[in-house]
C-alpha atoms as a PDB file:
ATOM      1  CA  UNK A   1      95.243 -51.787   0.173  1.00  0.00           C
ATOM      2  CA  UNK A   2      96.748 -51.567   3.870  1.00  0.00           C
ATOM      3  CA  UNK A   3      94.656 -49.976   6.228  1.00  0.00           C
ATOM      4  CA  UNK A   4      96.393 -47.056   8.662  1.00  0.00           C
ATOM      5  CA  UNK A   5      96.697 -46.964  12.155  1.00  0.00           C
ATOM      6  CA  UNK A   6      94.329 -44.852  14.089  1.00  0.00           C
ATOM      7  CA  UNK A   7      95.861 -42.134  15.622  1.00  0.00           C
ATOM      8  CA  UNK A   8      94.899 -41.904  19.609  1.00  0.00           C
ATOM      9  CA  UNK A   9      93.673 -38.330  20.603  1.00  0.00           C
ATOM     10  CA  UNK A  10      95.817 -36.811  23.441  1.00  0.00           C
ATOM     11  CA  UNK A  11      93.000 -36.167  25.907  1.00  0.00           C
ATOM     12  CA  UNK A  12      91.621 -39.466  25.498  1.00  0.00           C
ATOM     13  CA  UNK A  13      94.766 -40.996  27.012  1.00  0.00           C
ATOM     14  CA  UNK A  14      94.811 -38.508  29.346  1.00  0.00           C
ATOM     15  CA  UNK A  15      91.336 -39.600  30.634  1.00  0.00           C
ATOM     16  CA  UNK A  16      92.203 -43.049  30.243  1.00  0.00           C
ATOM     17  CA  UNK A  17      94.631 -42.464  32.453  1.00  0.00           C
ATOM     18  CA  UNK A  18      92.764 -40.324  35.421  1.00  0.00           C
ATOM     19  CA  UNK A  19      90.118 -42.873  35.275  1.00  0.00           C
ATOM     20  CA  UNK A  20      92.477 -45.460  36.550  1.00  0.00           C
ATOM     21  CA  UNK A  21      94.334 -43.334  39.234  1.00  0.00           C
ATOM     22  CA  UNK A  22      90.744 -42.966  40.385  1.00  0.00           C
ATOM     23  CA  UNK A  23      90.281 -46.510  40.267  1.00  0.00           C
ATOM     24  CA  UNK A  24      93.370 -47.205  42.353  1.00  0.00           C
ATOM     25  CA  UNK A  25      92.894 -44.855  44.608  1.00  0.00           C
ATOM     26  CA  UNK A  26      89.934 -46.072  45.485  1.00  0.00           C
ATOM     27  CA  UNK A  27      90.827 -49.298  46.342  1.00  0.00           C
ATOM     28  CA  UNK A  28      93.696 -47.633  48.680  1.00  0.00           C
ATOM     29  CA  UNK A  29      92.667 -47.386  52.622  1.00  0.00           C
ATOM     30  CA  UNK A  30      92.128 -43.845  53.678  1.00  0.00           C
ATOM     31  CA  UNK A  31      93.701 -42.315  56.024  1.00  0.00           C
ATOM     32  CA  UNK A  32      91.298 -38.853  56.625  1.00  0.00           C
ATOM     33  CA  UNK A  33      92.125 -35.827  58.903  1.00  0.00           C
ATOM     34  CA  UNK A  34      88.689 -36.539  60.899  1.00  0.00           C
ATOM     35  CA  UNK A  35      90.505 -39.745  62.189  1.00  0.00           C
ATOM     36  CA  UNK A  36      93.339 -38.235  63.832  1.00  0.00           C
ATOM     37  CA  UNK A  37      91.388 -35.154  64.858  1.00  0.00           C
ATOM     38  CA  UNK A  38      90.735 -35.915  68.631  1.00  0.00           C
ATOM     39  CA  UNK A  39      94.496 -37.070  69.095  1.00  0.00           C
ATOM     40  CA  UNK A  40      95.948 -33.838  68.047  1.00  0.00           C
ATOM     41  CA  UNK A  41      93.494 -32.254  70.134  1.00  0.00           C
ATOM     42  CA  UNK A  42      94.256 -33.883  73.127  1.00  0.00           C
ATOM     43  CA  UNK A  43      97.695 -33.345  72.573  1.00  0.00           C
ATOM     44  CA  UNK A  44      97.338 -29.694  72.419  1.00  0.00           C
ATOM     45  CA  UNK A  45      95.372 -29.717  75.595  1.00  0.00           C
ATOM     46  CA  UNK A  46      98.122 -31.111  77.377  1.00  0.00           C
ATOM     47  CA  UNK A  47     100.731 -29.021  75.938  1.00  0.00           C
ATOM     48  CA  UNK A  48      98.584 -25.700  77.134  1.00  0.00           C
ATOM     49  CA  UNK A  49      98.124 -27.488  80.480  1.00  0.00           C
ATOM     50  CA  UNK A  50     101.713 -27.692  80.777  1.00  0.00           C
ATOM     51  CA  UNK A  51     102.752 -24.365  79.966  1.00  0.00           C
ATOM     52  CA  UNK A  52     100.262 -22.769  82.056  1.00  0.00           C
ATOM     53  CA  UNK A  53     101.087 -25.426  84.990  1.00  0.00           C
ATOM     54  CA  UNK A  54     104.759 -24.038  84.582  1.00  0.00           C
ATOM     55  CA  UNK A  55     104.122 -20.447  84.568  1.00  0.00           C
ATOM     56  CA  UNK A  56     101.735 -20.479  87.388  1.00  0.00           C
ATOM     57  CA  UNK A  57     102.995 -19.225  91.075  1.00  0.00           C
ATOM     58  CA  UNK A  58     103.059 -21.930  93.366  1.00  0.00           C
ATOM     59  CA  UNK A  59     100.746 -21.474  95.824  1.00  0.00           C
ATOM     60  CA  UNK A  60     102.498 -19.848  99.602  1.00  0.00           C
ATOM     61  CA  UNK A  61     101.899 -22.133 102.761  1.00  0.00           C
ATOM     62  CA  UNK A  62     101.439 -20.966 105.916  1.00  0.00           C
ATOM     63  CA  UNK A  63     105.340 -21.525 106.660  1.00  0.00           C
ATOM     64  CA  UNK A  64     106.467 -19.185 103.607  1.00  0.00           C
ATOM     65  CA  UNK A  65     104.623 -15.951 104.929  1.00  0.00           C
ATOM     66  CA  UNK A  66     108.748 -15.354 106.392  1.00  0.00           C
ATOM     67  CA  UNK A  67     109.894 -14.446 102.971  1.00  0.00           C
ATOM     68  CA  UNK A  68     108.458 -11.406 102.258  1.00  0.00           C
ATOM     69  CA  UNK A  69     106.054  -8.801 104.570  1.00  0.00           C
ATOM     70  CA  UNK A  70     103.805  -7.937 101.718  1.00  0.00           C
ATOM     71  CA  UNK A  71     101.519 -10.188  99.517  1.00  0.00           C
ATOM     72  CA  UNK A  72      98.793 -10.046  96.526  1.00  0.00           C
ATOM     73  CA  UNK A  73      95.711 -12.328  96.969  1.00  0.00           C
ATOM     74  CA  UNK A  74      94.203 -14.087  93.865  1.00  0.00           C
ATOM     75  CA  UNK A  75      90.985 -15.709  93.965  1.00  0.00           C
ATOM     76  CA  UNK A  76      92.081 -18.611  92.633  1.00  0.00           C
ATOM     77  CA  UNK A  77      93.758 -19.624  95.972  1.00  0.00           C
ATOM     78  CA  UNK A  78      97.588 -18.073  95.300  1.00  0.00           C
ATOM     79  CA  UNK A  79      99.371 -15.383  97.236  1.00  0.00           C
ATOM     80  CA  UNK A  80     102.244 -13.809  94.887  1.00  0.00           C
ATOM     81  CA  UNK A  81     104.816 -12.301  97.549  1.00  0.00           C
ATOM     82  CA  UNK A  82     105.555  -8.468  96.122  1.00  0.00           C
ATOM     83  CA  UNK A  83     109.858  -8.101  96.819  1.00  0.00           C
ATOM     84  CA  UNK A  84     109.240  -4.382  96.994  1.00  0.00           C
ATOM     85  CA  UNK A  85     105.817  -2.343  98.265  1.00  0.00           C
ATOM     86  CA  UNK A  86     105.565   1.240  96.495  1.00  0.00           C
ATOM     87  CA  UNK A  87     105.183   3.485  99.405  1.00  0.00           C
ATOM     88  CA  UNK A  88     105.480   6.897 100.749  1.00  0.00           C
ATOM     89  CA  UNK A  89     107.653   7.396 103.520  1.00  0.00           C
ATOM     90  CA  UNK A  90     105.142   8.357 106.647  1.00  0.00           C
ATOM     91  CA  UNK A  91     107.097  11.631 107.551  1.00  0.00           C
ATOM     92  CA  UNK A  92     106.221  13.202 103.268  1.00  0.00           C
ATOM     93  CA  UNK A  93     102.435  12.590 104.513  1.00  0.00           C
ATOM     94  CA  UNK A  94     101.335  16.232 105.343  1.00  0.00           C
ATOM     95  CA  UNK A  95      98.169  17.843 106.384  1.00  0.00           C
ATOM     96  CA  UNK A  96      96.785  14.279 107.598  1.00  0.00           C
ATOM     97  CA  UNK A  97      98.632  14.160 111.356  1.00  0.00           C
ATOM     98  CA  UNK A  98      95.620  13.262 112.888  1.00  0.00           C
ATOM     99  CA  UNK A  99      94.275  10.448 110.953  1.00  0.00           C
ATOM    100  CA  UNK A 100      97.975   9.211 110.820  1.00  0.00           C
ATOM    101  CA  UNK A 101      98.524   8.915 114.719  1.00  0.00           C
ATOM    102  CA  UNK A 102      94.802   7.048 115.225  1.00  0.00           C
ATOM    103  CA  UNK A 103      96.000   4.477 112.750  1.00  0.00           C
ATOM    104  CA  UNK A 104      99.357   4.004 113.400  1.00  0.00           C
ATOM    105  CA  UNK A 105      98.140   3.594 117.284  1.00  0.00           C
ATOM    106  CA  UNK A 106      95.578   1.267 115.816  1.00  0.00           C
ATOM    107  CA  UNK A 107      97.934  -0.793 114.161  1.00  0.00           C
ATOM    108  CA  UNK A 108     100.463  -1.038 116.999  1.00  0.00           C
ATOM    109  CA  UNK A 109      98.105  -2.151 119.062  1.00  0.00           C
ATOM    110  CA  UNK A 110      97.202  -5.140 116.883  1.00  0.00           C
ATOM    111  CA  UNK A 111     100.909  -5.977 116.181  1.00  0.00           C
ATOM    112  CA  UNK A 112     101.537  -6.540 119.802  1.00  0.00           C
ATOM    113  CA  UNK A 113      98.327  -8.814 120.555  1.00  0.00           C
ATOM    114  CA  UNK A 114      95.871  -6.054 121.551  1.00  0.00           C
ATOM    115  CA  UNK A 115      92.325  -5.752 120.595  1.00  0.00           C
ATOM    116  CA  UNK A 116      91.812  -3.323 117.446  1.00  0.00           C
ATOM    117  CA  UNK A 117      89.651  -2.482 115.268  1.00  0.00           C
ATOM    118  CA  UNK A 118      89.417  -2.833 111.472  1.00  0.00           C
ATOM    119  CA  UNK A 119      89.516   0.757 109.721  1.00  0.00           C
ATOM    120  CA  UNK A 120      87.900   2.543 106.775  1.00  0.00           C
ATOM    121  CA  UNK A 121      89.766   5.313 105.256  1.00  0.00           C
ATOM    122  CA  UNK A 122      87.008   7.519 103.495  1.00  0.00           C
ATOM    123  CA  UNK A 123      87.326  10.914 101.743  1.00  0.00           C
ATOM    124  CA  UNK A 124      88.677  13.160  99.024  1.00  0.00           C
ATOM    125  CA  UNK A 125      90.368  11.782  96.119  1.00  0.00           C
ATOM    126  CA  UNK A 126      94.237  12.081  95.981  1.00  0.00           C
ATOM    127  CA  UNK A 127      94.649  12.996  99.853  1.00  0.00           C
ATOM    128  CA  UNK A 128      96.781   9.712 100.832  1.00  0.00           C
ATOM    129  CA  UNK A 129      94.645   6.820 102.201  1.00  0.00           C
ATOM    130  CA  UNK A 130      96.301   4.107 100.628  1.00  0.00           C
ATOM    131  CA  UNK A 131      99.810   6.091 100.821  1.00  0.00           C
ATOM    132  CA  UNK A 132      98.990   6.089 104.965  1.00  0.00           C
ATOM    133  CA  UNK A 133      98.050   2.391 104.914  1.00  0.00           C
ATOM    134  CA  UNK A 134     101.289   0.905 103.382  1.00  0.00           C
ATOM    135  CA  UNK A 135     103.380   3.700 105.078  1.00  0.00           C
ATOM    136  CA  UNK A 136     101.921   3.091 108.427  1.00  0.00           C
ATOM    137  CA  UNK A 137     102.386  -1.057 107.646  1.00  0.00           C
ATOM    138  CA  UNK A 138     106.447  -0.032 106.750  1.00  0.00           C
ATOM    139  CA  UNK A 139     106.650   2.305 110.135  1.00  0.00           C
ATOM    140  CA  UNK A 140     105.092  -0.151 112.429  1.00  0.00           C
ATOM    141  CA  UNK A 141     107.202  -2.830 111.255  1.00  0.00           C
ATOM    142  CA  UNK A 142     110.734  -0.874 111.196  1.00  0.00           C
ATOM    143  CA  UNK A 143     112.478  -2.240 114.493  1.00  0.00           C
ATOM    144  CA  UNK A 144     110.221  -5.658 114.720  1.00  0.00           C
ATOM    145  CA  UNK A 145     111.916  -9.016 114.648  1.00  0.00           C
ATOM    146  CA  UNK A 146     111.188 -11.142 111.688  1.00  0.00           C
ATOM    147  CA  UNK A 147     108.964 -13.722 113.734  1.00  0.00           C
ATOM    148  CA  UNK A 148     106.704 -10.411 114.911  1.00  0.00           C
ATOM    149  CA  UNK A 149     106.615  -8.292 111.687  1.00  0.00           C
ATOM    150  CA  UNK A 150     103.047  -7.597 110.374  1.00  0.00           C
ATOM    151  CA  UNK A 151     102.503  -8.570 106.945  1.00  0.00           C
ATOM    152  CA  UNK A 152     100.354  -6.549 104.440  1.00  0.00           C
ATOM    153  CA  UNK A 153      98.130  -8.680 102.136  1.00  0.00           C
ATOM    154  CA  UNK A 154      96.274  -6.737  99.006  1.00  0.00           C
ATOM    155  CA  UNK A 155      93.035  -8.081  98.021  1.00  0.00           C
ATOM    156  CA  UNK A 156      91.160  -6.312  94.778  1.00  0.00           C
ATOM    157  CA  UNK A 157      87.915  -4.582  95.371  1.00  0.00           C
ATOM    158  CA  UNK A 158      86.711  -7.510  92.484  1.00  0.00           C
ATOM    159  CA  UNK A 159      87.870 -10.367  94.722  1.00  0.00           C
ATOM    160  CA  UNK A 160      86.187  -9.605  97.700  1.00  0.00           C
ATOM    161  CA  UNK A 161      83.813 -12.859  97.195  1.00  0.00           C
ATOM    162  CA  UNK A 162      86.862 -14.884  98.031  1.00  0.00           C
ATOM    163  CA  UNK A 163      87.414 -13.520 101.056  1.00  0.00           C
ATOM    164  CA  UNK A 164      86.497 -15.991 103.426  1.00  0.00           C
ATOM    165  CA  UNK A 165      89.158 -18.340 101.122  1.00  0.00           C
ATOM    166  CA  UNK A 166      91.752 -15.885 101.957  1.00  0.00           C
ATOM    167  CA  UNK A 167      90.955 -15.956 105.759  1.00  0.00           C
ATOM    168  CA  UNK A 168      91.064 -19.855 105.929  1.00  0.00           C
ATOM    169  CA  UNK A 169      94.610 -19.708 104.483  1.00  0.00           C
ATOM    170  CA  UNK A 170      95.421 -16.638 106.967  1.00  0.00           C
ATOM    171  CA  UNK A 171      94.053 -18.408 110.311  1.00  0.00           C
ATOM    172  CA  UNK A 172      96.334 -21.323 110.058  1.00  0.00           C
ATOM    173  CA  UNK A 173      99.203 -18.983 110.031  1.00  0.00           C
ATOM    174  CA  UNK A 174     101.281 -17.541 113.309  1.00  0.00           C
ATOM    175  CA  UNK A 175     102.037 -14.225 111.386  1.00  0.00           C
ATOM    176  CA  UNK A 176     100.088 -11.277 111.868  1.00  0.00           C
ATOM    177  CA  UNK A 177      97.888 -10.100 109.095  1.00  0.00           C
ATOM    178  CA  UNK A 178      96.867  -6.730 107.707  1.00  0.00           C
ATOM    179  CA  UNK A 179      94.460  -7.204 104.973  1.00  0.00           C
ATOM    180  CA  UNK A 180      93.983  -4.187 102.539  1.00  0.00           C
ATOM    181  CA  UNK A 181      91.355  -3.374  99.923  1.00  0.00           C
ATOM    182  CA  UNK A 182      91.829   0.035  98.184  1.00  0.00           C
ATOM    183  CA  UNK A 183      88.984   1.864  96.544  1.00  0.00           C
ATOM    184  CA  UNK A 184      86.612  -0.328  97.904  1.00  0.00           C
ATOM    185  CA  UNK A 185      82.892   0.661  97.083  1.00  0.00           C
ATOM    186  CA  UNK A 186      79.562  -1.015  95.840  1.00  0.00           C
ATOM    187  CA  UNK A 187      77.000  -0.274  92.915  1.00  0.00           C
ATOM    188  CA  UNK A 188      73.595  -1.378  91.491  1.00  0.00           C
ATOM    189  CA  UNK A 189      72.841  -4.832  92.384  1.00  0.00           C
ATOM    190  CA  UNK A 190      76.517  -6.028  93.144  1.00  0.00           C
ATOM    191  CA  UNK A 191      75.663  -8.336  96.387  1.00  0.00           C
ATOM    192  CA  UNK A 192      79.861  -9.153  97.081  1.00  0.00           C
ATOM    193  CA  UNK A 193      79.453  -6.731 100.002  1.00  0.00           C
ATOM    194  CA  UNK A 194      77.928  -9.680 101.996  1.00  0.00           C
ATOM    195  CA  UNK A 195      81.060 -11.650 102.222  1.00  0.00           C
ATOM    196  CA  UNK A 196      82.690  -9.014 103.476  1.00  0.00           C
ATOM    197  CA  UNK A 197      80.068  -7.832 106.177  1.00  0.00           C
ATOM    198  CA  UNK A 198      80.015 -11.748 107.208  1.00  0.00           C
ATOM    199  CA  UNK A 199      84.282 -11.590 107.626  1.00  0.00           C
ATOM    200  CA  UNK A 200      83.872  -8.367 109.553  1.00  0.00           C
ATOM    201  CA  UNK A 201      81.076  -9.474 112.139  1.00  0.00           C
ATOM    202  CA  UNK A 202      78.151 -11.800 112.026  1.00  0.00           C
ATOM    203  CA  UNK A 203      79.627 -15.097 110.633  1.00  0.00           C
ATOM    204  CA  UNK A 204      79.997 -18.165 112.374  1.00  0.00           C
ATOM    205  CA  UNK A 205      83.903 -18.203 111.686  1.00  0.00           C
ATOM    206  CA  UNK A 206      83.995 -14.348 111.793  1.00  0.00           C
ATOM    207  CA  UNK A 207      87.439 -12.427 111.271  1.00  0.00           C
ATOM    208  CA  UNK A 208      90.443 -14.438 112.568  1.00  0.00           C
ATOM    209  CA  UNK A 209      92.067 -12.932 115.992  1.00  0.00           C
ATOM    210  CA  UNK A 210      95.459 -12.365 113.642  1.00  0.00           C
ATOM    211  CA  UNK A 211      93.712 -10.376 110.990  1.00  0.00           C
ATOM    212  CA  UNK A 212      92.406  -7.170 110.813  1.00  0.00           C
ATOM    213  CA  UNK A 213      90.989  -5.465 108.080  1.00  0.00           C
ATOM    214  CA  UNK A 214      91.806  -1.906 106.591  1.00  0.00           C
ATOM    215  CA  UNK A 215      90.069  -0.449 103.694  1.00  0.00           C
ATOM    216  CA  UNK A 216      89.962   2.842 101.815  1.00  0.00           C
ATOM    217  CA  UNK A 217      86.875   4.512  99.978  1.00  0.00           C
ATOM    218  CA  UNK A 218      85.958   8.102  98.362  1.00  0.00           C
ATOM    219  CA  UNK A 219      82.212   7.045  99.831  1.00  0.00           C
ATOM    220  CA  UNK A 220      81.818   7.090 103.654  1.00  0.00           C
ATOM    221  CA  UNK A 221      78.954   4.445 103.610  1.00  0.00           C
ATOM    222  CA  UNK A 222      81.121   2.035 100.399  1.00  0.00           C
ATOM    223  CA  UNK A 223      77.450   3.172  98.413  1.00  0.00           C
ATOM    224  CA  UNK A 224      76.876   5.674  95.682  1.00  0.00           C
ATOM    225  CA  UNK A 225      74.525   8.241  97.099  1.00  0.00           C
ATOM    226  CA  UNK A 226      71.911   7.736  93.731  1.00  0.00           C
ATOM    227  CA  UNK A 227      71.786   4.109  95.072  1.00  0.00           C
ATOM    228  CA  UNK A 228      70.885   4.616  98.313  1.00  0.00           C
ATOM    229  CA  UNK A 229      67.855   6.816  97.339  1.00  0.00           C
ATOM    230  CA  UNK A 230      66.793   4.499  94.818  1.00  0.00           C
ATOM    231  CA  UNK A 231      66.366   2.055  97.180  1.00  0.00           C
ATOM    232  CA  UNK A 232      64.555   4.504  99.664  1.00  0.00           C
ATOM    233  CA  UNK A 233      62.359   5.291  96.824  1.00  0.00           C
ATOM    234  CA  UNK A 234      61.842   1.281  95.335  1.00  0.00           C
ATOM    235  CA  UNK A 235      62.036  -0.576  98.364  1.00  0.00           C
ATOM    236  CA  UNK A 236      58.747  -2.157  99.968  1.00  0.00           C
ATOM    237  CA  UNK A 237      60.286  -1.206 103.134  1.00  0.00           C
ATOM    238  CA  UNK A 238      62.815   1.910 102.612  1.00  0.00           C
ATOM    239  CA  UNK A 239      64.573   1.737 105.883  1.00  0.00           C
ATOM    240  CA  UNK A 240      65.413  -1.872 106.015  1.00  0.00           C
ATOM    241  CA  UNK A 241      66.171  -1.576 102.416  1.00  0.00           C
ATOM    242  CA  UNK A 242      69.115   1.063 103.168  1.00  0.00           C
ATOM    243  CA  UNK A 243      70.306  -0.270 106.299  1.00  0.00           C
ATOM    244  CA  UNK A 244      71.177  -3.481 105.140  1.00  0.00           C
ATOM    245  CA  UNK A 245      73.741  -1.724 103.030  1.00  0.00           C
ATOM    246  CA  UNK A 246      74.726   1.183 104.579  1.00  0.00           C
ATOM    247  CA  UNK A 247      75.642  -1.063 107.961  1.00  0.00           C
ATOM    248  CA  UNK A 248      78.272  -2.686 106.157  1.00  0.00           C
ATOM    249  CA  UNK A 249      80.247   0.372 107.036  1.00  0.00           C
ATOM    250  CA  UNK A 250      79.410   0.518 110.312  1.00  0.00           C
ATOM    251  CA  UNK A 251      81.102  -2.827 110.917  1.00  0.00           C
ATOM    252  CA  UNK A 252      84.702  -0.865 110.461  1.00  0.00           C
ATOM    253  CA  UNK A 253      85.198   0.338 114.094  1.00  0.00           C
ATOM    254  CA  UNK A 254      87.559   2.989 113.279  1.00  0.00           C
ATOM    255  CA  UNK A 255      86.260   5.668 110.475  1.00  0.00           C
ATOM    256  CA  UNK A 256      89.219   8.479 109.363  1.00  0.00           C
ATOM    257  CA  UNK A 257      87.827  11.188 107.607  1.00  0.00           C
ATOM    258  CA  UNK A 258      90.031  12.620 104.398  1.00  0.00           C
ATOM    259  CA  UNK A 259      88.942  16.365 103.398  1.00  0.00           C
ATOM    260  CA  UNK A 260      90.519  18.360 100.583  1.00  0.00           C
ATOM    261  CA  UNK A 261      93.510  20.367 101.995  1.00  0.00           C
ATOM    262  CA  UNK A 262      94.236  23.829 102.205  1.00  0.00           C
ATOM    263  CA  UNK A 263      96.737  26.029 100.062  1.00  0.00           C
ATOM    264  CA  UNK A 264      99.402  26.142 102.806  1.00  0.00           C
ATOM    265  CA  UNK A 265      99.184  22.248 103.377  1.00  0.00           C
ATOM    266  CA  UNK A 266      99.438  21.622  99.687  1.00  0.00           C
ATOM    267  CA  UNK A 267     102.748  23.859  99.578  1.00  0.00           C
ATOM    268  CA  UNK A 268     104.018  21.910 102.466  1.00  0.00           C
ATOM    269  CA  UNK A 269     103.516  18.931 100.549  1.00  0.00           C
ATOM    270  CA  UNK A 270     105.267  20.038  97.750  1.00  0.00           C
ATOM    271  CA  UNK A 271     108.542  21.392  99.649  1.00  0.00           C
ATOM    272  CA  UNK A 272     108.511  18.498 101.735  1.00  0.00           C
ATOM    273  CA  UNK A 273     108.971  16.009  98.409  1.00  0.00           C
ATOM    274  CA  UNK A 274     111.860  18.628  96.698  1.00  0.00           C
ATOM    275  CA  UNK A 275     113.376  18.707 100.196  1.00  0.00           C
ATOM    276  CA  UNK A 276     113.474  14.827 100.808  1.00  0.00           C
ATOM    277  CA  UNK A 277     114.666  13.984  96.955  1.00  0.00           C
ATOM    278  CA  UNK A 278     116.860  17.115  97.032  1.00  0.00           C
ATOM    279  CA  UNK A 279     115.742  19.085  94.157  1.00  0.00           C
ATOM    280  CA  UNK A 280     116.894  22.915  94.778  1.00  0.00           C
ATOM    281  CA  UNK A 281     115.137  25.869  93.665  1.00  0.00           C
ATOM    282  CA  UNK A 282     114.137  29.014  95.192  1.00  0.00           C
ATOM    283  CA  UNK A 283     111.022  29.237  97.227  1.00  0.00           C
ATOM    284  CA  UNK A 284     108.823  31.554  95.714  1.00  0.00           C
ATOM    285  CA  UNK A 285     109.354  30.036  92.085  1.00  0.00           C
ATOM    286  CA  UNK A 286     108.485  26.735  93.712  1.00  0.00           C
ATOM    287  CA  UNK A 287     105.048  28.398  95.192  1.00  0.00           C
ATOM    288  CA  UNK A 288     104.158  29.805  92.220  1.00  0.00           C
ATOM    289  CA  UNK A 289     105.034  26.974  90.025  1.00  0.00           C
ATOM    290  CA  UNK A 290     103.183  24.794  92.248  1.00  0.00           C
ATOM    291  CA  UNK A 291      99.992  26.760  92.658  1.00  0.00           C
ATOM    292  CA  UNK A 292      99.892  27.190  88.888  1.00  0.00           C
ATOM    293  CA  UNK A 293     100.112  23.509  88.614  1.00  0.00           C
ATOM    294  CA  UNK A 294      97.435  22.789  91.295  1.00  0.00           C
ATOM    295  CA  UNK A 295      95.092  25.554  89.293  1.00  0.00           C
ATOM    296  CA  UNK A 296      95.181  23.889  85.805  1.00  0.00           C
ATOM    297  CA  UNK A 297      94.888  20.155  87.679  1.00  0.00           C
ATOM    298  CA  UNK A 298      91.610  21.799  89.278  1.00  0.00           C
ATOM    299  CA  UNK A 299      92.210  20.684  92.872  1.00  0.00           C
ATOM    300  CA  UNK A 300      94.649  20.470  95.813  1.00  0.00           C
ATOM    301  CA  UNK A 301      95.853  17.156  96.930  1.00  0.00           C
ATOM    302  CA  UNK A 302      98.580  14.852  98.011  1.00  0.00           C
ATOM    303  CA  UNK A 303      98.203  13.080  94.551  1.00  0.00           C
ATOM    304  CA  UNK A 304      98.247  16.606  92.847  1.00  0.00           C
ATOM    305  CA  UNK A 305     101.871  17.496  94.663  1.00  0.00           C
ATOM    306  CA  UNK A 306     103.439  14.408  93.806  1.00  0.00           C
ATOM    307  CA  UNK A 307     102.788  14.889  90.387  1.00  0.00           C
ATOM    308  CA  UNK A 308     103.827  18.250  90.278  1.00  0.00           C
ATOM    309  CA  UNK A 309     107.153  17.369  92.050  1.00  0.00           C
ATOM    310  CA  UNK A 310     107.451  14.485  89.282  1.00  0.00           C
ATOM    311  CA  UNK A 311     107.241  17.474  86.548  1.00  0.00           C
ATOM    312  CA  UNK A 312     109.901  19.445  88.315  1.00  0.00           C
ATOM    313  CA  UNK A 313     112.557  16.738  89.159  1.00  0.00           C
ATOM    314  CA  UNK A 314     112.369  15.628  85.369  1.00  0.00           C
ATOM    315  CA  UNK A 315     112.269  19.885  84.147  1.00  0.00           C
ATOM    316  CA  UNK A 316     115.480  20.002  86.713  1.00  0.00           C
ATOM    317  CA  UNK A 317     116.974  16.858  85.700  1.00  0.00           C
ATOM    318  CA  UNK A 318     117.203  15.432  89.462  1.00  0.00           C
ATOM    319  CA  UNK A 319     116.667  11.827  90.134  1.00  0.00           C
ATOM    320  CA  UNK A 320     113.716  11.125  92.758  1.00  0.00           C
ATOM    321  CA  UNK A 321     116.115   8.887  94.780  1.00  0.00           C
ATOM    322  CA  UNK A 322     115.537   9.275  98.825  1.00  0.00           C
ATOM    323  CA  UNK A 323     118.363  10.909 101.008  1.00  0.00           C
END
């Protein structure tokens, strides 16, 4: 009797094929991902570095200050030119006539190469401290030749520790500079004020002859009252502890105090803005709406007057373009 051939089960054949494939794969040279990971990381880092260098603004050399009148300082050593400064015309700043005249006189002396003081503008919020600095810079430059124009350099409060590096850059230039810090104050254990003290007075190099510092602050001594009281209560020698920090404001030779404005001064600010921008409205209605606006804001100041002017201009369809 003839024997029938045995049938091979499909799953048995598949198992044999997969085993053969595994053996072949084990004999091939492996090119695992782990081997080229360092190379791919290096390529990615090179691409990031190339992108950053292409997008970064080139550092401004001392010779490049002639291209603009205002710059912003960055702590990595860059100065970025500001083609158009956000400022209010000096004639629109109402209720601060005495401070305006003093600061302009001090700035003009500095621009003419005469002795002048660093200035601290302190006091009530929204009363035009920073606006006065920027307007004074523009006013003093109005009729000066390009080589005689003052340069305005803004340094942010958090970058004060890099102030000595900025001084090194400005020292080598033939131009004269106003270094401006808005809303300057110190809290807690912040020790960056020591960099400012060294530049103002007391350091070996000191302030360059072609640099003057203007700062604004809501605090007369640049420190919170509770911070001063805490120093008095916890220090071994309270007088010396407070004196070290309060002495910072003493290094500004010019103190200009800004106080809350009266109702008449507030209305004068509003009318000045409306006249400058051509906003036409009955005077009694203007006064009523302006006073109502200040009541809802809980204060009267130049900032509140400007915010009301923006609201009124928008409502009346008037674009804020000066005459």
